[in-house]
Amino acid sequence: MSNRERRKWLISGRVQGVFFRESTRRQAEPLGLTGHAVNLSDGRVEVLAAGDPESLDRLEAWLSEGPPGARVDELQRVDAPDRAPDRFETA
């Protein structure tokens, strides 16, 4: 896939303990995205995703709101690593 991109976001707010990571996986997989969603020790969630730009845009729009019960105060896009997992993982 020549149009495959990688993007990484840091999400802050009420994003831990509200099913954010699993909900992110459930959004990403049908979009054909691979990557991960992990809790960080500072209370944020890190999401890394790889796939086509349109699907990444759709995930980013969803991340700005998150699942019911979440409160996203900030969605920050940061530099993504050169590689992403072959499937979508949560940790």
PDB file of N, CA and C in Angstrom:
ATOM      1  N   MET A   1       0.840  -1.189   0.000  1.00  0.00           N
ATOM      2  CA  MET A   1       0.000   0.000   0.000  1.00  0.00           C
ATOM      3  C   MET A   1       0.879   1.243   0.000  1.00  0.00           C
ATOM      4  N   SER A   2       0.918   1.945  -1.080  1.00  0.00           N
ATOM      5  CA  SER A   2       1.763   3.118  -1.154  1.00  0.00           C
ATOM      6  C   SER A   2       1.186   4.299  -0.381  1.00  0.00           C
ATOM      7  N   ASN A   3      -0.116   4.300  -0.133  1.00  0.00           N
ATOM      8  CA  ASN A   3      -0.726   5.424   0.569  1.00  0.00           C
ATOM      9  C   ASN A   3      -0.882   5.161   2.067  1.00  0.00           C
ATOM     10  N   ARG A   4      -0.182   4.181   2.589  1.00  0.00           N
ATOM     11  CA  ARG A   4      -0.266   3.850   4.014  1.00  0.00           C
ATOM     12  C   ARG A   4       0.547   4.860   4.818  1.00  0.00           C
ATOM     13  N   GLU A   5      -0.104   5.461   5.801  1.00  0.00           N
ATOM     14  CA  GLU A   5       0.538   6.442   6.677  1.00  0.00           C
ATOM     15  C   GLU A   5       0.496   5.943   8.109  1.00  0.00           C
ATOM     16  N   ARG A   6       1.329   6.547   8.960  1.00  0.00           N
ATOM     17  CA  ARG A   6       1.318   6.297  10.400  1.00  0.00           C
ATOM     18  C   ARG A   6       1.067   7.617  11.115  1.00  0.00           C
ATOM     19  N   ARG A   7       0.199   7.565  12.109  1.00  0.00           N
ATOM     20  CA  ARG A   7      -0.058   8.744  12.938  1.00  0.00           C
ATOM     21  C   ARG A   7      -0.092   8.324  14.402  1.00  0.00           C
ATOM     22  N   LYS A   8       0.325   9.239  15.247  1.00  0.00           N
ATOM     23  CA  LYS A   8       0.336   8.982  16.690  1.00  0.00           C
ATOM     24  C   LYS A   8      -0.298  10.182  17.392  1.00  0.00           C
ATOM     25  N   TRP A   9      -1.153   9.879  18.364  1.00  0.00           N
ATOM     26  CA  TRP A   9      -1.828  10.917  19.129  1.00  0.00           C
ATOM     27  C   TRP A   9      -1.635  10.670  20.623  1.00  0.00           C
ATOM     28  N   LEU A  10      -1.638  11.760  21.381  1.00  0.00           N
ATOM     29  CA  LEU A  10      -1.684  11.710  22.835  1.00  0.00           C
ATOM     30  C   LEU A  10      -2.988  12.380  23.237  1.00  0.00           C
ATOM     31  N   ILE A  11      -3.793  11.660  24.007  1.00  0.00           N
ATOM     32  CA  ILE A  11      -5.116  12.141  24.379  1.00  0.00           C
ATOM     33  C   ILE A  11      -5.152  12.349  25.877  1.00  0.00           C
ATOM     34  N   SER A  12      -5.560  13.543  26.295  1.00  0.00           N
ATOM     35  CA  SER A  12      -5.653  13.824  27.724  1.00  0.00           C
ATOM     36  C   SER A  12      -7.081  14.211  28.084  1.00  0.00           C
ATOM     37  N   GLY A  13      -7.390  14.074  29.349  1.00  0.00           N
ATOM     38  CA  GLY A  13      -8.726  14.332  29.881  1.00  0.00           C
ATOM     39  C   GLY A  13      -9.125  13.148  30.745  1.00  0.00           C
ATOM     40  N   ARG A  14     -10.413  12.839  30.766  1.00  0.00           N
ATOM     41  CA  ARG A  14     -10.882  11.635  31.462  1.00  0.00           C
ATOM     42  C   ARG A  14     -10.890  10.525  30.415  1.00  0.00           C
ATOM     43  N   VAL A  15      -9.722   9.883  30.245  1.00  0.00           N
ATOM     44  CA  VAL A  15      -9.546   8.910  29.168  1.00  0.00           C
ATOM     45  C   VAL A  15      -9.062   7.549  29.671  1.00  0.00           C
ATOM     46  N   GLN A  16      -8.844   7.431  30.961  1.00  0.00           N
ATOM     47  CA  GLN A  16      -8.492   6.126  31.527  1.00  0.00           C
ATOM     48  C   GLN A  16      -9.637   5.677  32.422  1.00  0.00           C
ATOM     49  N   GLY A  17      -9.921   4.382  32.377  1.00  0.00           N
ATOM     50  CA  GLY A  17     -11.011   3.839  33.174  1.00  0.00           C
ATOM     51  C   GLY A  17     -12.389   4.067  32.565  1.00  0.00           C
ATOM     52  N   VAL A  18     -12.429   4.436  31.280  1.00  0.00           N
ATOM     53  CA  VAL A  18     -13.707   4.701  30.610  1.00  0.00           C
ATOM     54  C   VAL A  18     -13.823   3.900  29.309  1.00  0.00           C
ATOM     55  N   PHE A  19     -13.065   2.794  29.220  1.00  0.00           N
ATOM     56  CA  PHE A  19     -13.140   1.896  28.056  1.00  0.00           C
ATOM     57  C   PHE A  19     -12.573   2.549  26.794  1.00  0.00           C
ATOM     58  N   PHE A  20     -11.680   3.533  26.967  1.00  0.00           N
ATOM     59  CA  PHE A  20     -11.152   4.288  25.830  1.00  0.00           C
ATOM     60  C   PHE A  20     -10.323   3.412  24.896  1.00  0.00           C
ATOM     61  N   ARG A  21      -9.410   2.609  25.450  1.00  0.00           N
ATOM     62  CA  ARG A  21      -8.529   1.803  24.602  1.00  0.00           C
ATOM     63  C   ARG A  21      -9.301   0.766  23.790  1.00  0.00           C
ATOM     64  N   GLU A  22     -10.185   0.026  24.434  1.00  0.00           N
ATOM     65  CA  GLU A  22     -10.958  -0.991  23.723  1.00  0.00           C
ATOM     66  C   GLU A  22     -11.897  -0.350  22.708  1.00  0.00           C
ATOM     67  N   SER A  23     -12.496   0.769  23.062  1.00  0.00           N
ATOM     68  CA  SER A  23     -13.357   1.475  22.119  1.00  0.00           C
ATOM     69  C   SER A  23     -12.562   1.966  20.913  1.00  0.00           C
ATOM     70  N   THR A  24     -11.328   2.393  21.149  1.00  0.00           N
ATOM     71  CA  THR A  24     -10.469   2.819  20.042  1.00  0.00           C
ATOM     72  C   THR A  24     -10.189   1.640  19.121  1.00  0.00           C
ATOM     73  N   ARG A  25      -9.889   0.481  19.686  1.00  0.00           N
ATOM     74  CA  ARG A  25      -9.651  -0.712  18.864  1.00  0.00           C
ATOM     75  C   ARG A  25     -10.889  -1.032  18.029  1.00  0.00           C
ATOM     76  N   ARG A  26     -12.064  -0.927  18.651  1.00  0.00           N
ATOM     77  CA  ARG A  26     -13.312  -1.231  17.941  1.00  0.00           C
ATOM     78  C   ARG A  26     -13.605  -0.225  16.824  1.00  0.00           C
ATOM     79  N   GLN A  27     -13.092   0.959  16.939  1.00  0.00           N
ATOM     80  CA  GLN A  27     -13.221   1.947  15.862  1.00  0.00           C
ATOM     81  C   GLN A  27     -12.193   1.688  14.766  1.00  0.00           C
ATOM     82  N   ALA A  28     -10.973   1.330  15.165  1.00  0.00           N
ATOM     83  CA  ALA A  28      -9.849   1.220  14.228  1.00  0.00           C
ATOM     84  C   ALA A  28      -9.921  -0.021  13.341  1.00  0.00           C
ATOM     85  N   GLU A  29     -10.281  -1.145  13.904  1.00  0.00           N
ATOM     86  CA  GLU A  29     -10.247  -2.394  13.132  1.00  0.00           C
ATOM     87  C   GLU A  29     -11.159  -2.372  11.904  1.00  0.00           C
ATOM     88  N   PRO A  30     -12.414  -1.932  12.008  1.00  0.00           N
ATOM     89  CA  PRO A  30     -13.252  -1.900  10.803  1.00  0.00           C
ATOM     90  C   PRO A  30     -12.737  -0.920   9.736  1.00  0.00           C
ATOM     91  N   LEU A  31     -11.922   0.037  10.152  1.00  0.00           N
ATOM     92  CA  LEU A  31     -11.325   0.987   9.220  1.00  0.00           C
ATOM     93  C   LEU A  31     -10.072   0.414   8.556  1.00  0.00           C
ATOM     94  N   GLY A  32      -9.692  -0.802   8.961  1.00  0.00           N
ATOM     95  CA  GLY A  32      -8.508  -1.430   8.390  1.00  0.00           C
ATOM     96  C   GLY A  32      -7.203  -0.897   8.955  1.00  0.00           C
ATOM     97  N   LEU A  33      -7.262  -0.283  10.129  1.00  0.00           N
ATOM     98  CA  LEU A  33      -6.078   0.291  10.743  1.00  0.00           C
ATOM     99  C   LEU A  33      -5.381  -0.704  11.650  1.00  0.00           C
ATOM    100  N   THR A  34      -4.076  -0.599  11.744  1.00  0.00           N
ATOM    101  CA  THR A  34      -3.294  -1.355  12.713  1.00  0.00           C
ATOM    102  C   THR A  34      -2.649  -0.351  13.655  1.00  0.00           C
ATOM    103  N   GLY A  35      -2.193  -0.832  14.798  1.00  0.00           N
ATOM    104  CA  GLY A  35      -1.539   0.069  15.741  1.00  0.00           C
ATOM    105  C   GLY A  35      -1.779  -0.361  17.168  1.00  0.00           C
ATOM    106  N   HIS A  36      -1.848   0.630  18.067  1.00  0.00           N
ATOM    107  CA  HIS A  36      -2.094   0.317  19.472  1.00  0.00           C
ATOM    108  C   HIS A  36      -2.731   1.496  20.193  1.00  0.00           C
ATOM    109  N   ALA A  37      -3.331   1.191  21.332  1.00  0.00           N
ATOM    110  CA  ALA A  37      -3.843   2.187  22.270  1.00  0.00           C
ATOM    111  C   ALA A  37      -3.366   1.751  23.638  1.00  0.00           C
ATOM    112  N   VAL A  38      -2.601   2.609  24.313  1.00  0.00           N
ATOM    113  CA  VAL A  38      -2.029   2.250  25.611  1.00  0.00           C
ATOM    114  C   VAL A  38      -2.225   3.396  26.603  1.00  0.00           C
ATOM    115  N   ASN A  39      -2.449   3.021  27.859  1.00  0.00           N
ATOM    116  CA  ASN A  39      -2.490   3.998  28.936  1.00  0.00           C
ATOM    117  C   ASN A  39      -1.073   4.426  29.268  1.00  0.00           C
ATOM    118  N   LEU A  40      -0.880   5.713  29.505  1.00  0.00           N
ATOM    119  CA  LEU A  40       0.409   6.232  29.947  1.00  0.00           C
ATOM    120  C   LEU A  40       0.343   6.523  31.439  1.00  0.00           C
ATOM    121  N   SER A  41       1.487   6.516  32.079  1.00  0.00           N
ATOM    122  CA  SER A  41       1.531   6.698  33.531  1.00  0.00           C
ATOM    123  C   SER A  41       1.068   8.088  33.964  1.00  0.00           C
ATOM    124  N   ASP A  42       1.064   9.056  33.066  1.00  0.00           N
ATOM    125  CA  ASP A  42       0.637  10.416  33.412  1.00  0.00           C
ATOM    126  C   ASP A  42      -0.870  10.633  33.230  1.00  0.00           C
ATOM    127  N   GLY A  43      -1.618   9.552  32.921  1.00  0.00           N
ATOM    128  CA  GLY A  43      -3.064   9.651  32.798  1.00  0.00           C
ATOM    129  C   GLY A  43      -3.562   9.833  31.379  1.00  0.00           C
ATOM    130  N   ARG A  44      -2.658  10.018  30.439  1.00  0.00           N
ATOM    131  CA  ARG A  44      -3.061  10.147  29.040  1.00  0.00           C
ATOM    132  C   ARG A  44      -3.147   8.772  28.384  1.00  0.00           C
ATOM    133  N   VAL A  45      -3.723   8.739  27.183  1.00  0.00           N
ATOM    134  CA  VAL A  45      -3.729   7.551  26.341  1.00  0.00           C
ATOM    135  C   VAL A  45      -2.935   7.876  25.081  1.00  0.00           C
ATOM    136  N   GLU A  46      -2.084   6.932  24.674  1.00  0.00           N
ATOM    137  CA  GLU A  46      -1.343   7.053  23.424  1.00  0.00           C
ATOM    138  C   GLU A  46      -1.987   6.143  22.401  1.00  0.00           C
ATOM    139  N   VAL A  47      -2.260   6.682  21.221  1.00  0.00           N
ATOM    140  CA  VAL A  47      -2.808   5.893  20.124  1.00  0.00           C
ATOM    141  C   VAL A  47      -1.866   6.035  18.934  1.00  0.00           C
ATOM    142  N   LEU A  48      -1.442   4.903  18.408  1.00  0.00           N
ATOM    143  CA  LEU A  48      -0.652   4.838  17.192  1.00  0.00           C
ATOM    144  C   LEU A  48      -1.474   4.054  16.187  1.00  0.00           C
ATOM    145  N   ALA A  49      -1.609   4.585  14.985  1.00  0.00           N
ATOM    146  CA  ALA A  49      -2.392   3.885  13.966  1.00  0.00           C
ATOM    147  C   ALA A  49      -1.717   4.030  12.613  1.00  0.00           C
ATOM    148  N   ALA A  50      -1.871   2.987  11.801  1.00  0.00           N
ATOM    149  CA  ALA A  50      -1.342   2.995  10.443  1.00  0.00           C
ATOM    150  C   ALA A  50      -2.428   2.534   9.492  1.00  0.00           C
ATOM    151  N   GLY A  51      -2.517   3.198   8.355  1.00  0.00           N
ATOM    152  CA  GLY A  51      -3.512   2.842   7.350  1.00  0.00           C
ATOM    153  C   GLY A  51      -3.652   3.947   6.336  1.00  0.00           C
ATOM    154  N   ASP A  52      -4.753   3.928   5.606  1.00  0.00           N
ATOM    155  CA  ASP A  52      -4.935   4.948   4.579  1.00  0.00           C
ATOM    156  C   ASP A  52      -5.345   6.272   5.233  1.00  0.00           C
ATOM    157  N   PRO A  53      -4.992   7.393   4.606  1.00  0.00           N
ATOM    158  CA  PRO A  53      -5.237   8.702   5.208  1.00  0.00           C
ATOM    159  C   PRO A  53      -6.698   8.970   5.569  1.00  0.00           C
ATOM    160  N   GLU A  54      -7.633   8.539   4.724  1.00  0.00           N
ATOM    161  CA  GLU A  54      -9.048   8.780   5.018  1.00  0.00           C
ATOM    162  C   GLU A  54      -9.475   8.057   6.298  1.00  0.00           C
ATOM    163  N   SER A  55      -9.029   6.825   6.474  1.00  0.00           N
ATOM    164  CA  SER A  55      -9.367   6.075   7.689  1.00  0.00           C
ATOM    165  C   SER A  55      -8.720   6.702   8.908  1.00  0.00           C
ATOM    166  N   LEU A  56      -7.499   7.177   8.767  1.00  0.00           N
ATOM    167  CA  LEU A  56      -6.823   7.846   9.878  1.00  0.00           C
ATOM    168  C   LEU A  56      -7.555   9.135  10.252  1.00  0.00           C
ATOM    169  N   ASP A  57      -8.042   9.861   9.260  1.00  0.00           N
ATOM    170  CA  ASP A  57      -8.831  11.074   9.534  1.00  0.00           C
ATOM    171  C   ASP A  57     -10.096  10.727  10.312  1.00  0.00           C
ATOM    172  N   ARG A  58     -10.753   9.635   9.927  1.00  0.00           N
ATOM    173  CA  ARG A  58     -11.977   9.225  10.625  1.00  0.00           C
ATOM    174  C   ARG A  58     -11.686   8.835  12.070  1.00  0.00           C
ATOM    175  N   LEU A  59     -10.570   8.103  12.284  1.00  0.00           N
ATOM    176  CA  LEU A  59     -10.207   7.743  13.657  1.00  0.00           C
ATOM    177  C   LEU A  59      -9.872   8.990  14.464  1.00  0.00           C
ATOM    178  N   GLU A  60      -9.145   9.922  13.869  1.00  0.00           N
ATOM    179  CA  GLU A  60      -8.787  11.151  14.581  1.00  0.00           C
ATOM    180  C   GLU A  60     -10.033  11.922  15.003  1.00  0.00           C
ATOM    181  N   ALA A  61     -11.023  11.996  14.122  1.00  0.00           N
ATOM    182  CA  ALA A  61     -12.276  12.677  14.465  1.00  0.00           C
ATOM    183  C   ALA A  61     -12.949  11.982  15.647  1.00  0.00           C
ATOM    184  N   TRP A  62     -12.950  10.649  15.642  1.00  0.00           N
ATOM    185  CA  TRP A  62     -13.554   9.908  16.759  1.00  0.00           C
ATOM    186  C   TRP A  62     -12.753  10.131  18.042  1.00  0.00           C
ATOM    187  N   LEU A  63     -11.423  10.123  17.944  1.00  0.00           N
ATOM    188  CA  LEU A  63     -10.586  10.321  19.131  1.00  0.00           C
ATOM    189  C   LEU A  63     -10.833  11.677  19.790  1.00  0.00           C
ATOM    190  N   SER A  64     -11.228  12.659  19.016  1.00  0.00           N
ATOM    191  CA  SER A  64     -11.468  13.987  19.593  1.00  0.00           C
ATOM    192  C   SER A  64     -12.674  13.995  20.525  1.00  0.00           C
ATOM    193  N   GLU A  65     -13.532  12.978  20.416  1.00  0.00           N
ATOM    194  CA  GLU A  65     -14.700  12.842  21.294  1.00  0.00           C
ATOM    195  C   GLU A  65     -14.556  11.666  22.257  1.00  0.00           C
ATOM    196  N   GLY A  66     -14.054  10.542  21.742  1.00  0.00           N
ATOM    197  CA  GLY A  66     -13.907   9.338  22.554  1.00  0.00           C
ATOM    198  C   GLY A  66     -15.229   8.648  22.799  1.00  0.00           C
ATOM    199  N   PRO A  67     -15.199   7.588  23.606  1.00  0.00           N
ATOM    200  CA  PRO A  67     -16.421   6.833  23.900  1.00  0.00           C
ATOM    201  C   PRO A  67     -17.280   7.543  24.945  1.00  0.00           C
ATOM    202  N   PRO A  68     -18.530   7.095  25.113  1.00  0.00           N
ATOM    203  CA  PRO A  68     -19.361   7.651  26.184  1.00  0.00           C
ATOM    204  C   PRO A  68     -18.637   7.499  27.523  1.00  0.00           C
ATOM    205  N   GLY A  69     -18.718   8.519  28.332  1.00  0.00           N
ATOM    206  CA  GLY A  69     -18.046   8.489  29.633  1.00  0.00           C
ATOM    207  C   GLY A  69     -16.683   9.131  29.626  1.00  0.00           C
ATOM    208  N   ALA A  70     -16.100   9.282  28.457  1.00  0.00           N
ATOM    209  CA  ALA A  70     -14.799   9.944  28.350  1.00  0.00           C
ATOM    210  C   ALA A  70     -14.999  11.450  28.213  1.00  0.00           C
ATOM    211  N   ARG A  71     -13.955  12.180  28.562  1.00  0.00           N
ATOM    212  CA  ARG A  71     -13.910  13.627  28.322  1.00  0.00           C
ATOM    213  C   ARG A  71     -12.539  13.930  27.731  1.00  0.00           C
ATOM    214  N   VAL A  72     -12.492  14.270  26.469  1.00  0.00           N
ATOM    215  CA  VAL A  72     -11.225  14.578  25.810  1.00  0.00           C
ATOM    216  C   VAL A  72     -10.964  16.069  25.954  1.00  0.00           C
ATOM    217  N   ASP A  73      -9.913  16.399  26.713  1.00  0.00           N
ATOM    218  CA  ASP A  73      -9.524  17.799  26.889  1.00  0.00           C
ATOM    219  C   ASP A  73      -8.543  18.246  25.813  1.00  0.00           C
ATOM    220  N   GLU A  74      -7.697  17.319  25.373  1.00  0.00           N
ATOM    221  CA  GLU A  74      -6.711  17.664  24.349  1.00  0.00           C
ATOM    222  C   GLU A  74      -6.375  16.436  23.521  1.00  0.00           C
ATOM    223  N   LEU A  75      -6.330  16.632  22.217  1.00  0.00           N
ATOM    224  CA  LEU A  75      -5.897  15.604  21.279  1.00  0.00           C
ATOM    225  C   LEU A  75      -4.701  16.192  20.545  1.00  0.00           C
ATOM    226  N   GLN A  76      -3.540  15.629  20.833  1.00  0.00           N
ATOM    227  CA  GLN A  76      -2.293  16.155  20.277  1.00  0.00           C
ATOM    228  C   GLN A  76      -1.695  15.139  19.318  1.00  0.00           C
ATOM    229  N   ARG A  77      -1.460  15.548  18.086  1.00  0.00           N
ATOM    230  CA  ARG A  77      -0.776  14.661  17.138  1.00  0.00           C
ATOM    231  C   ARG A  77       0.718  14.905  17.276  1.00  0.00           C
ATOM    232  N   VAL A  78       1.464  13.802  17.416  1.00  0.00           N
ATOM    233  CA  VAL A  78       2.918  13.868  17.576  1.00  0.00           C
ATOM    234  C   VAL A  78       3.571  13.003  16.506  1.00  0.00           C
ATOM    235  N   ASP A  79       4.900  13.113  16.389  1.00  0.00           N
ATOM    236  CA  ASP A  79       5.622  12.319  15.398  1.00  0.00           C
ATOM    237  C   ASP A  79       5.409  10.833  15.649  1.00  0.00           C
ATOM    238  N   ALA A  80       5.123  10.110  14.593  1.00  0.00           N
ATOM    239  CA  ALA A  80       4.888   8.667  14.682  1.00  0.00           C
ATOM    240  C   ALA A  80       6.183   7.919  14.387  1.00  0.00           C
ATOM    241  N   PRO A  81       6.367   6.755  14.998  1.00  0.00           N
ATOM    242  CA  PRO A  81       7.543   5.933  14.696  1.00  0.00           C
ATOM    243  C   PRO A  81       7.471   5.376  13.278  1.00  0.00           C
ATOM    244  N   ASP A  82       8.561   4.810  12.829  1.00  0.00           N
ATOM    245  CA  ASP A  82       8.637   4.265  11.477  1.00  0.00           C
ATOM    246  C   ASP A  82       7.799   3.019  11.279  1.00  0.00           C
ATOM    247  N   ARG A  83       7.467   2.317  12.355  1.00  0.00           N
ATOM    248  CA  ARG A  83       6.726   1.057  12.242  1.00  0.00           C
ATOM    249  C   ARG A  83       5.517   1.073  13.148  1.00  0.00           C
ATOM    250  N   ALA A  84       4.533   0.256  12.780  1.00  0.00           N
ATOM    251  CA  ALA A  84       3.338   0.056  13.609  1.00  0.00           C
ATOM    252  C   ALA A  84       3.082  -1.442  13.683  1.00  0.00           C
ATOM    253  N   PRO A  85       2.397  -1.912  14.730  1.00  0.00           N
ATOM    254  CA  PRO A  85       2.066  -3.336  14.804  1.00  0.00           C
ATOM    255  C   PRO A  85       1.247  -3.798  13.604  1.00  0.00           C
ATOM    256  N   ASP A  86       1.246  -5.102  13.377  1.00  0.00           N
ATOM    257  CA  ASP A  86       0.519  -5.676  12.246  1.00  0.00           C
ATOM    258  C   ASP A  86      -0.987  -5.792  12.494  1.00  0.00           C
ATOM    259  N   ARG A  87      -1.411  -5.567  13.718  1.00  0.00           N
ATOM    260  CA  ARG A  87      -2.834  -5.584  14.054  1.00  0.00           C
ATOM    261  C   ARG A  87      -3.054  -4.473  15.071  1.00  0.00           C
ATOM    262  N   PHE A  88      -4.287  -4.284  15.517  1.00  0.00           N
ATOM    263  CA  PHE A  88      -4.541  -3.233  16.519  1.00  0.00           C
ATOM    264  C   PHE A  88      -4.530  -3.862  17.904  1.00  0.00           C
ATOM    265  N   GLU A  89      -3.679  -3.334  18.787  1.00  0.00           N
ATOM    266  CA  GLU A  89      -3.475  -3.894  20.116  1.00  0.00           C
ATOM    267  C   GLU A  89      -3.824  -2.865  21.193  1.00  0.00           C
ATOM    268  N   THR A  90      -4.219  -3.376  22.346  1.00  0.00           N
ATOM    269  CA  THR A  90      -4.394  -2.527  23.522  1.00  0.00           C
ATOM    270  C   THR A  90      -3.521  -3.098  24.624  1.00  0.00           C
ATOM    271  N   ALA A  91      -3.043  -2.220  25.474  1.00  0.00           N
ATOM    272  CA  ALA A  91      -2.209  -2.654  26.602  1.00  0.00           C
ATOM    273  C   ALA A  91      -2.497  -1.806  27.816  1.00  0.00           C
TER     274      ALA A  91
END
